[in-house]
């Protein structure tokens, strides 16, 4: 199992890793500290696709606009 395999073949079912986060080289933010604004700061403003829950329709909007709405 490698990132290359996933990029070429995709993943059709969720993956569950039973190892600890630290053994996987992962860190989780403290509760309540990771927000949509953190994502904007990390990746920069860009066009994203969002879903309107009521209509189940999708549309595109700028990430910064989503952050202000959210």
N, C-alpha and C. Protein backbone atom coordinates (compact mmCIF):
# COMPACT_ATOMS: atom_id res chain seq x y z
N UNK A 1 0.84 -1.18 0.00
CA UNK A 1 0.00 0.00 0.00
C UNK A 1 0.89 1.24 0.00
N UNK A 2 0.77 2.04 -1.04
CA UNK A 2 1.57 3.26 -1.16
C UNK A 2 0.71 4.40 -1.69
N UNK A 3 1.20 5.61 -1.55
CA UNK A 3 0.48 6.77 -2.09
C UNK A 3 0.36 6.65 -3.61
N UNK A 4 1.38 6.09 -4.24
CA UNK A 4 1.33 5.91 -5.69
C UNK A 4 0.19 4.97 -6.08
N UNK A 5 0.01 3.90 -5.31
CA UNK A 5 -1.08 2.96 -5.58
C UNK A 5 -2.43 3.67 -5.48
N UNK A 6 -2.60 4.47 -4.43
CA UNK A 6 -3.86 5.20 -4.25
C UNK A 6 -4.08 6.19 -5.38
N UNK A 7 -3.03 6.90 -5.79
CA UNK A 7 -3.16 7.87 -6.87
C UNK A 7 -3.55 7.20 -8.18
N UNK A 8 -3.03 6.02 -8.42
CA UNK A 8 -3.32 5.31 -9.67
C UNK A 8 -4.65 4.57 -9.64
N UNK A 9 -5.02 4.02 -8.49
CA UNK A 9 -6.18 3.14 -8.42
C UNK A 9 -7.35 3.70 -7.63
N UNK A 10 -7.09 4.71 -6.82
CA UNK A 10 -8.16 5.27 -6.00
C UNK A 10 -8.44 4.42 -4.78
N UNK A 11 -9.36 4.90 -3.96
CA UNK A 11 -9.80 4.19 -2.76
C UNK A 11 -11.32 4.22 -2.76
N UNK A 12 -11.94 3.05 -2.73
CA UNK A 12 -13.40 2.99 -2.79
C UNK A 12 -14.04 2.79 -1.43
N UNK A 13 -13.26 2.41 -0.42
CA UNK A 13 -13.78 2.20 0.92
C UNK A 13 -12.89 2.94 1.91
N UNK A 14 -13.45 3.37 3.03
CA UNK A 14 -12.62 4.06 4.03
C UNK A 14 -11.48 3.17 4.52
N UNK A 15 -10.37 3.79 4.85
CA UNK A 15 -9.23 3.07 5.39
C UNK A 15 -9.16 3.30 6.89
N UNK A 16 -8.88 2.24 7.65
CA UNK A 16 -8.73 2.34 9.09
C UNK A 16 -7.33 1.91 9.46
N UNK A 17 -6.58 2.82 10.07
CA UNK A 17 -5.23 2.52 10.53
C UNK A 17 -5.28 2.42 12.05
N UNK A 18 -4.93 1.27 12.58
CA UNK A 18 -5.05 1.02 14.02
C UNK A 18 -3.83 1.47 14.81
N UNK A 19 -2.77 1.89 14.14
CA UNK A 19 -1.58 2.36 14.84
C UNK A 19 -1.85 3.72 15.49
N UNK A 20 -0.99 4.10 16.40
CA UNK A 20 -1.12 5.41 17.03
C UNK A 20 -0.77 6.50 16.02
N UNK A 21 -1.29 7.68 16.24
CA UNK A 21 -1.01 8.80 15.33
C UNK A 21 0.48 9.06 15.22
N UNK A 22 1.19 9.01 16.34
CA UNK A 22 2.62 9.31 16.31
C UNK A 22 3.39 8.28 15.49
N UNK A 23 2.97 7.00 15.54
CA UNK A 23 3.68 5.99 14.75
C UNK A 23 3.43 6.16 13.26
N UNK A 24 2.33 6.84 12.92
CA UNK A 24 2.01 7.12 11.52
C UNK A 24 2.58 8.47 11.07
N UNK A 25 3.25 9.18 11.98
CA UNK A 25 3.80 10.49 11.65
C UNK A 25 2.74 11.57 11.56
N UNK A 26 1.63 11.38 12.27
CA UNK A 26 0.52 12.34 12.21
C UNK A 26 0.38 13.08 13.53
N UNK A 27 -0.13 14.29 13.44
CA UNK A 27 -0.46 15.08 14.62
C UNK A 27 -1.88 15.59 14.46
N UNK A 28 -2.62 15.65 15.54
CA UNK A 28 -3.97 16.18 15.53
C UNK A 28 -3.99 17.49 16.29
N UNK A 29 -4.72 18.49 15.78
CA UNK A 29 -4.81 19.75 16.52
C UNK A 29 -5.63 19.55 17.80
N UNK A 30 -5.41 20.41 18.77
CA UNK A 30 -6.20 20.37 20.00
C UNK A 30 -7.64 20.68 19.66
N UNK A 31 -8.57 20.13 20.43
CA UNK A 31 -9.99 20.37 20.20
C UNK A 31 -10.29 21.85 20.11
N UNK A 32 -11.07 22.22 19.10
CA UNK A 32 -11.50 23.60 18.95
C UNK A 32 -10.49 24.55 18.37
N UNK A 33 -9.30 24.06 18.00
CA UNK A 33 -8.28 24.97 17.49
C UNK A 33 -8.15 24.92 15.97
N UNK A 34 -8.71 23.91 15.32
CA UNK A 34 -8.58 23.78 13.87
C UNK A 34 -9.87 24.24 13.22
N UNK A 35 -9.81 25.32 12.47
CA UNK A 35 -11.00 25.92 11.88
C UNK A 35 -10.86 26.04 10.37
N UNK A 36 -11.94 26.44 9.73
CA UNK A 36 -11.89 26.69 8.29
C UNK A 36 -10.87 27.78 7.98
N UNK A 37 -10.72 28.75 8.87
CA UNK A 37 -9.73 29.81 8.67
C UNK A 37 -8.31 29.24 8.68
N UNK A 38 -8.06 28.20 9.47
CA UNK A 38 -6.75 27.53 9.48
C UNK A 38 -6.46 26.91 8.12
N UNK A 39 -7.49 26.33 7.49
CA UNK A 39 -7.32 25.75 6.16
C UNK A 39 -6.96 26.84 5.16
N UNK A 40 -7.68 27.95 5.21
CA UNK A 40 -7.40 29.08 4.32
C UNK A 40 -5.96 29.55 4.48
N UNK A 41 -5.51 29.67 5.71
CA UNK A 41 -4.14 30.11 5.97
C UNK A 41 -3.12 29.10 5.44
N UNK A 42 -3.43 27.80 5.55
CA UNK A 42 -2.50 26.75 5.14
C UNK A 42 -2.40 26.60 3.62
N UNK A 43 -3.54 26.69 2.92
CA UNK A 43 -3.53 26.40 1.48
C UNK A 43 -3.72 27.63 0.60
N UNK A 44 -4.11 28.75 1.19
CA UNK A 44 -4.33 29.95 0.41
C UNK A 44 -5.72 29.97 -0.21
N UNK A 45 -6.10 31.14 -0.69
CA UNK A 45 -7.42 31.30 -1.29
C UNK A 45 -7.46 30.60 -2.64
N UNK A 46 -8.48 29.84 -2.84
CA UNK A 46 -8.64 29.12 -4.11
C UNK A 46 -10.11 28.78 -4.31
N UNK A 47 -10.45 28.42 -5.52
CA UNK A 47 -11.82 28.03 -5.83
C UNK A 47 -12.06 26.63 -5.27
N UNK A 48 -13.20 26.45 -4.58
CA UNK A 48 -13.57 25.13 -4.04
C UNK A 48 -14.99 24.80 -4.47
N UNK A 49 -15.32 23.53 -4.44
CA UNK A 49 -16.68 23.11 -4.72
C UNK A 49 -17.38 22.86 -3.40
N UNK A 50 -18.57 23.41 -3.25
CA UNK A 50 -19.34 23.25 -2.01
C UNK A 50 -20.70 22.67 -2.36
N UNK A 51 -21.33 22.05 -1.37
CA UNK A 51 -22.64 21.43 -1.56
C UNK A 51 -23.65 22.17 -0.69
N UNK A 52 -24.76 22.57 -1.32
CA UNK A 52 -25.88 23.14 -0.59
C UNK A 52 -26.67 21.97 -0.01
N UNK A 53 -26.68 21.83 1.30
CA UNK A 53 -27.30 20.67 1.94
C UNK A 53 -28.79 20.58 1.62
N UNK A 54 -29.47 21.70 1.60
CA UNK A 54 -30.92 21.69 1.36
C UNK A 54 -31.26 21.18 -0.04
N UNK A 55 -30.54 21.64 -1.05
CA UNK A 55 -30.86 21.26 -2.42
C UNK A 55 -30.02 20.11 -2.94
N UNK A 56 -28.93 19.80 -2.22
CA UNK A 56 -27.95 18.80 -2.65
C UNK A 56 -27.27 19.19 -3.96
N UNK A 57 -27.39 20.46 -4.32
CA UNK A 57 -26.71 20.97 -5.50
C UNK A 57 -25.31 21.44 -5.12
N UNK A 58 -24.44 21.45 -6.09
CA UNK A 58 -23.08 21.92 -5.81
C UNK A 58 -22.81 23.18 -6.62
N UNK A 59 -21.90 23.96 -6.10
CA UNK A 59 -21.47 25.16 -6.81
C UNK A 59 -20.05 25.47 -6.37
N UNK A 60 -19.42 26.38 -7.07
CA UNK A 60 -18.05 26.76 -6.72
C UNK A 60 -18.05 28.13 -6.05
N UNK A 61 -17.14 28.28 -5.12
CA UNK A 61 -16.95 29.57 -4.47
C UNK A 61 -15.52 29.66 -3.98
N UNK A 62 -15.07 30.86 -3.70
CA UNK A 62 -13.73 31.05 -3.17
C UNK A 62 -13.69 30.55 -1.73
N UNK A 63 -12.57 29.94 -1.36
CA UNK A 63 -12.41 29.44 0.00
C UNK A 63 -12.60 30.56 1.02
N UNK A 64 -12.10 31.75 0.72
CA UNK A 64 -12.25 32.88 1.65
C UNK A 64 -13.73 33.22 1.86
N UNK A 65 -14.55 33.12 0.82
CA UNK A 65 -15.98 33.37 0.96
C UNK A 65 -16.63 32.30 1.84
N UNK A 66 -16.20 31.05 1.66
CA UNK A 66 -16.71 29.96 2.48
C UNK A 66 -16.35 30.18 3.95
N UNK A 67 -15.11 30.61 4.20
CA UNK A 67 -14.67 30.86 5.58
C UNK A 67 -15.53 31.94 6.22
N UNK A 68 -15.84 33.00 5.49
CA UNK A 68 -16.68 34.06 6.03
C UNK A 68 -18.09 33.56 6.30
N UNK A 69 -18.61 32.71 5.43
CA UNK A 69 -19.95 32.15 5.60
C UNK A 69 -20.00 31.18 6.77
N UNK A 70 -18.98 30.35 6.86
CA UNK A 70 -18.93 29.28 7.85
C UNK A 70 -18.77 29.86 9.23
